[in-house]
N, C-alpha and C. Protein backbone atom coordinates (compact mmCIF):
# COMPACT_ATOMS: atom_id res chain seq x y z
N MET A 1 109.01 118.28 96.48
CA MET A 1 107.96 117.74 97.31
C MET A 1 106.85 117.21 96.42
N LEU A 2 106.39 116.00 96.74
CA LEU A 2 105.35 115.36 95.97
C LEU A 2 103.98 115.86 96.41
N LYS A 3 103.18 116.31 95.46
CA LYS A 3 101.83 116.74 95.78
C LYS A 3 100.85 115.75 95.19
N ILE A 4 99.88 115.34 95.97
CA ILE A 4 98.87 114.39 95.53
C ILE A 4 97.59 115.15 95.26
N LYS A 5 96.99 114.90 94.10
CA LYS A 5 95.78 115.62 93.74
C LYS A 5 94.59 115.13 94.54
N LYS A 6 94.50 113.81 94.78
CA LYS A 6 93.37 113.24 95.51
C LYS A 6 93.88 112.33 96.62
N VAL A 7 93.25 112.45 97.77
CA VAL A 7 93.61 111.59 98.89
C VAL A 7 93.27 110.14 98.54
N SER A 8 92.25 109.94 97.72
CA SER A 8 91.83 108.59 97.36
C SER A 8 92.94 107.83 96.62
N GLU A 9 93.91 108.54 96.06
CA GLU A 9 95.03 107.88 95.39
C GLU A 9 95.95 107.18 96.39
N VAL A 10 95.89 107.57 97.65
CA VAL A 10 96.77 107.00 98.67
C VAL A 10 96.15 105.74 99.30
N ILE A 11 94.82 105.65 99.30
CA ILE A 11 94.13 104.51 99.90
C ILE A 11 94.59 103.24 99.20
N GLY A 12 94.98 102.24 99.99
CA GLY A 12 95.44 100.96 99.45
C GLY A 12 96.93 100.87 99.21
N LYS A 13 97.65 101.99 99.36
CA LYS A 13 99.11 101.95 99.15
C LYS A 13 99.78 101.20 100.30
N ASP A 14 100.88 100.52 99.96
CA ASP A 14 101.67 99.82 100.96
C ASP A 14 102.42 100.80 101.82
N VAL A 15 102.55 100.46 103.11
CA VAL A 15 103.24 101.31 104.07
C VAL A 15 104.47 100.57 104.59
N TYR A 16 105.60 101.25 104.56
CA TYR A 16 106.86 100.71 105.07
C TYR A 16 107.40 101.63 106.14
N THR A 17 108.17 101.07 107.07
CA THR A 17 108.82 101.89 108.08
C THR A 17 110.08 102.50 107.47
N SER A 18 110.63 103.46 108.16
CA SER A 18 111.85 104.11 107.69
C SER A 18 113.03 103.15 107.66
N GLU A 19 112.88 102.00 108.33
CA GLU A 19 113.94 100.99 108.32
C GLU A 19 113.71 99.90 107.28
N GLY A 20 112.63 100.05 106.48
CA GLY A 20 112.37 99.12 105.39
C GLY A 20 111.45 97.96 105.71
N ASP A 21 110.85 97.93 106.90
CA ASP A 21 109.94 96.86 107.26
C ASP A 21 108.55 97.15 106.70
N TYR A 22 107.91 96.10 106.15
CA TYR A 22 106.55 96.27 105.64
C TYR A 22 105.61 96.38 106.83
N PHE A 23 104.84 97.46 106.90
CA PHE A 23 103.97 97.74 108.04
C PHE A 23 102.51 97.42 107.75
N GLY A 24 102.04 97.67 106.53
CA GLY A 24 100.65 97.38 106.20
C GLY A 24 100.18 98.18 105.00
N GLN A 25 98.86 98.48 104.98
CA GLN A 25 98.27 99.25 103.89
C GLN A 25 97.39 100.35 104.44
N ILE A 26 97.34 101.45 103.72
CA ILE A 26 96.48 102.59 104.09
C ILE A 26 95.03 102.18 103.88
N GLU A 27 94.21 102.35 104.93
CA GLU A 27 92.77 102.06 104.83
C GLU A 27 91.94 103.33 104.70
N GLU A 28 92.26 104.33 105.52
CA GLU A 28 91.48 105.56 105.56
C GLU A 28 92.37 106.73 105.91
N VAL A 29 91.82 107.92 105.73
CA VAL A 29 92.50 109.13 106.14
C VAL A 29 91.62 109.83 107.17
N ASN A 30 92.23 110.39 108.19
CA ASN A 30 91.52 111.19 109.19
C ASN A 30 91.75 112.66 108.86
N LEU A 31 90.64 113.39 108.71
CA LEU A 31 90.72 114.81 108.40
C LEU A 31 90.26 115.64 109.59
N ALA A 32 90.91 116.77 109.79
CA ALA A 32 90.50 117.74 110.81
C ALA A 32 90.70 119.13 110.23
N ASP A 33 89.64 119.89 110.17
CA ASP A 33 89.69 121.25 109.62
C ASP A 33 90.26 121.28 108.21
N ASN A 34 89.81 120.35 107.37
CA ASN A 34 90.25 120.24 105.97
C ASN A 34 91.74 119.97 105.82
N LYS A 35 92.37 119.40 106.82
CA LYS A 35 93.78 119.02 106.76
C LYS A 35 93.90 117.56 107.16
N ILE A 36 94.91 116.90 106.63
CA ILE A 36 95.14 115.50 106.99
C ILE A 36 95.70 115.46 108.41
N ASP A 37 94.97 114.75 109.27
CA ASP A 37 95.38 114.62 110.66
C ASP A 37 96.15 113.33 110.88
N GLY A 38 95.74 112.24 110.25
CA GLY A 38 96.39 110.97 110.44
C GLY A 38 95.94 109.97 109.40
N TRP A 39 96.60 108.81 109.39
CA TRP A 39 96.33 107.75 108.44
C TRP A 39 96.00 106.47 109.20
N LYS A 40 94.87 105.84 108.86
CA LYS A 40 94.50 104.55 109.45
C LYS A 40 95.14 103.47 108.60
N ILE A 41 95.93 102.62 109.24
CA ILE A 41 96.69 101.61 108.53
C ILE A 41 96.29 100.23 109.03
N LYS A 42 95.98 99.34 108.09
CA LYS A 42 95.74 97.92 108.41
C LYS A 42 97.12 97.28 108.48
N ILE A 43 97.50 96.81 109.67
CA ILE A 43 98.87 96.35 109.88
C ILE A 43 99.02 94.86 109.60
N THR A 44 100.26 94.44 109.38
CA THR A 44 100.58 93.05 109.09
C THR A 44 100.66 92.25 110.38
N ALA A 45 100.69 90.92 110.22
CA ALA A 45 100.74 90.02 111.37
C ALA A 45 102.00 90.24 112.21
N ASN A 46 103.11 90.57 111.58
CA ASN A 46 104.35 90.80 112.33
C ASN A 46 104.21 91.94 113.32
N PHE A 47 103.55 93.00 112.91
CA PHE A 47 103.39 94.15 113.78
C PHE A 47 102.21 93.98 114.73
N MET A 48 101.28 93.06 114.43
CA MET A 48 100.16 92.80 115.35
C MET A 48 100.68 92.34 116.71
N GLN A 49 101.70 91.50 116.69
CA GLN A 49 102.29 91.02 117.95
C GLN A 49 102.89 92.18 118.73
N MET A 50 103.56 93.08 118.03
CA MET A 50 104.20 94.22 118.68
C MET A 50 103.17 95.17 119.28
N LEU A 51 101.99 95.24 118.64
CA LEU A 51 100.95 96.16 119.10
C LEU A 51 99.88 95.46 119.93
N GLY A 52 100.19 94.29 120.46
CA GLY A 52 99.27 93.60 121.35
C GLY A 52 98.04 93.04 120.67
N GLY A 53 98.15 92.65 119.41
CA GLY A 53 97.03 92.04 118.70
C GLY A 53 96.15 93.01 117.94
N ALA A 54 96.49 94.28 117.93
CA ALA A 54 95.69 95.27 117.20
C ALA A 54 95.76 94.98 115.70
N ARG A 55 94.65 95.19 115.02
CA ARG A 55 94.61 94.96 113.58
C ARG A 55 94.94 96.20 112.77
N GLY A 56 94.95 97.33 113.44
CA GLY A 56 95.23 98.57 112.74
C GLY A 56 95.85 99.59 113.67
N ALA A 57 96.33 100.64 113.06
CA ALA A 57 96.94 101.73 113.83
C ALA A 57 96.67 103.04 113.11
N ILE A 58 96.62 104.11 113.87
CA ILE A 58 96.49 105.44 113.28
C ILE A 58 97.82 106.15 113.49
N ILE A 59 98.43 106.52 112.39
CA ILE A 59 99.72 107.20 112.43
C ILE A 59 99.46 108.68 112.12
N PRO A 60 99.84 109.58 113.02
CA PRO A 60 99.68 111.02 112.73
C PRO A 60 100.44 111.40 111.47
N HIS A 61 99.87 112.31 110.72
CA HIS A 61 100.47 112.72 109.44
C HIS A 61 101.88 113.26 109.60
N GLN A 62 102.19 113.85 110.72
CA GLN A 62 103.53 114.42 110.93
C GLN A 62 104.62 113.36 110.92
N PHE A 63 104.26 112.08 111.11
CA PHE A 63 105.25 111.00 111.11
C PHE A 63 105.38 110.32 109.76
N VAL A 64 104.66 110.79 108.75
CA VAL A 64 104.79 110.27 107.40
C VAL A 64 105.97 110.98 106.75
N LYS A 65 106.97 110.18 106.33
CA LYS A 65 108.17 110.77 105.75
C LYS A 65 108.03 110.99 104.25
N ALA A 66 107.30 110.09 103.56
CA ALA A 66 107.18 110.22 102.12
C ALA A 66 105.93 109.49 101.63
N ILE A 67 105.33 110.04 100.58
CA ILE A 67 104.20 109.42 99.91
C ILE A 67 104.51 109.42 98.43
N GLY A 68 104.54 108.23 97.85
CA GLY A 68 104.81 108.07 96.43
C GLY A 68 104.17 106.77 95.99
N ASP A 69 104.96 105.88 95.41
CA ASP A 69 104.44 104.56 95.06
C ASP A 69 104.12 103.78 96.33
N VAL A 70 104.84 104.08 97.40
CA VAL A 70 104.58 103.53 98.73
C VAL A 70 104.58 104.68 99.73
N VAL A 71 104.13 104.38 100.95
CA VAL A 71 104.15 105.38 102.02
C VAL A 71 105.21 104.96 103.02
N ILE A 72 106.04 105.90 103.44
CA ILE A 72 107.09 105.60 104.42
C ILE A 72 106.78 106.38 105.69
N VAL A 73 106.72 105.64 106.82
CA VAL A 73 106.46 106.27 108.11
C VAL A 73 107.71 106.14 108.98
N ASN A 74 107.87 107.11 109.84
CA ASN A 74 109.00 107.13 110.76
C ASN A 74 108.85 105.99 111.76
N ARG A 75 109.86 105.16 111.90
CA ARG A 75 109.81 103.99 112.78
C ARG A 75 109.56 104.40 114.23
N THR A 76 110.06 105.55 114.65
CA THR A 76 109.90 105.98 116.04
C THR A 76 108.46 106.38 116.35
N SER A 77 107.63 106.56 115.33
CA SER A 77 106.24 106.93 115.57
C SER A 77 105.39 105.73 115.96
N LEU A 78 105.90 104.53 115.77
CA LEU A 78 105.14 103.32 116.05
C LEU A 78 105.21 102.97 117.53
N PRO A 79 104.08 102.63 118.12
CA PRO A 79 104.12 102.19 119.52
C PRO A 79 104.88 100.89 119.63
N SER A 80 105.55 100.68 120.75
CA SER A 80 106.28 99.42 120.94
C SER A 80 106.05 98.91 122.34
N ARG A 81 106.14 97.60 122.46
CA ARG A 81 105.99 96.96 123.76
C ARG A 81 107.36 96.87 124.41
N ASN A 82 107.47 97.31 125.66
CA ASN A 82 108.74 97.28 126.37
C ASN A 82 108.85 95.95 127.11
N ASP A 83 109.53 94.97 126.48
CA ASP A 83 109.64 93.63 127.06
C ASP A 83 110.87 93.46 127.94
N ASP A 84 111.80 94.40 127.90
CA ASP A 84 113.00 94.22 128.71
C ASP A 84 112.76 94.63 130.16
N SER A 85 113.61 94.15 131.03
CA SER A 85 113.42 94.40 132.46
C SER A 85 113.98 95.75 132.91
N SER A 86 114.56 96.50 131.98
CA SER A 86 115.13 97.80 132.36
C SER A 86 114.07 98.88 132.49
N GLY A 87 112.86 98.62 131.99
CA GLY A 87 111.80 99.60 132.08
C GLY A 87 111.30 99.73 133.50
N VAL A 88 110.71 100.86 133.81
CA VAL A 88 110.20 101.11 135.15
C VAL A 88 108.74 100.71 135.20
N ASP A 89 108.40 99.85 136.15
CA ASP A 89 107.02 99.44 136.35
C ASP A 89 106.49 100.21 137.55
N LEU A 90 105.66 101.19 137.30
CA LEU A 90 105.18 102.05 138.38
C LEU A 90 104.27 101.32 139.36
N SER A 91 103.67 100.22 138.94
CA SER A 91 102.76 99.51 139.83
C SER A 91 103.49 98.80 140.96
N SER A 92 104.79 98.54 140.81
CA SER A 92 105.53 97.84 141.85
C SER A 92 106.28 98.79 142.79
N GLU A 93 106.26 100.08 142.51
CA GLU A 93 106.96 101.03 143.37
C GLU A 93 106.11 101.34 144.60
N GLU A 94 106.79 101.56 145.70
CA GLU A 94 106.08 101.95 146.93
C GLU A 94 105.80 103.43 146.89
N VAL A 95 104.61 103.79 147.28
CA VAL A 95 104.20 105.18 147.30
C VAL A 95 103.97 105.59 148.75
N GLU A 96 104.61 106.68 149.14
CA GLU A 96 104.44 107.15 150.53
C GLU A 96 103.10 107.84 150.66
N GLU A 97 102.40 107.51 151.75
CA GLU A 97 101.13 108.15 152.05
C GLU A 97 101.41 109.52 152.66
N PRO A 98 100.66 110.53 152.29
CA PRO A 98 100.89 111.85 152.87
C PRO A 98 100.48 111.86 154.36
N THR A 99 101.24 112.55 155.16
CA THR A 99 100.90 112.65 156.59
C THR A 99 100.05 113.87 156.83
N LEU A 100 99.08 113.74 157.69
CA LEU A 100 98.19 114.86 157.99
C LEU A 100 98.55 115.56 159.24
């Protein structure tokens, strides 16, 4: 297991998904109770479209698979837009009114 002496060594490192896609760069670290809670990542243009135009994302530390020369995050931790028609749209479902 790789141990990092300073969190500042991780700032600016490139971030890749577990499938090898370039995701962005580490901008900041979120700390809670002296533990790493998450990583703020400045994302690339390719992922901006997937995230609805967001310029950054916070990935919880539990989804970081490896930290070394680069940071690898679990692809399933990334939010995704459901563009296919198989998803359920709750706004179009009929809701029964309760009878009194």
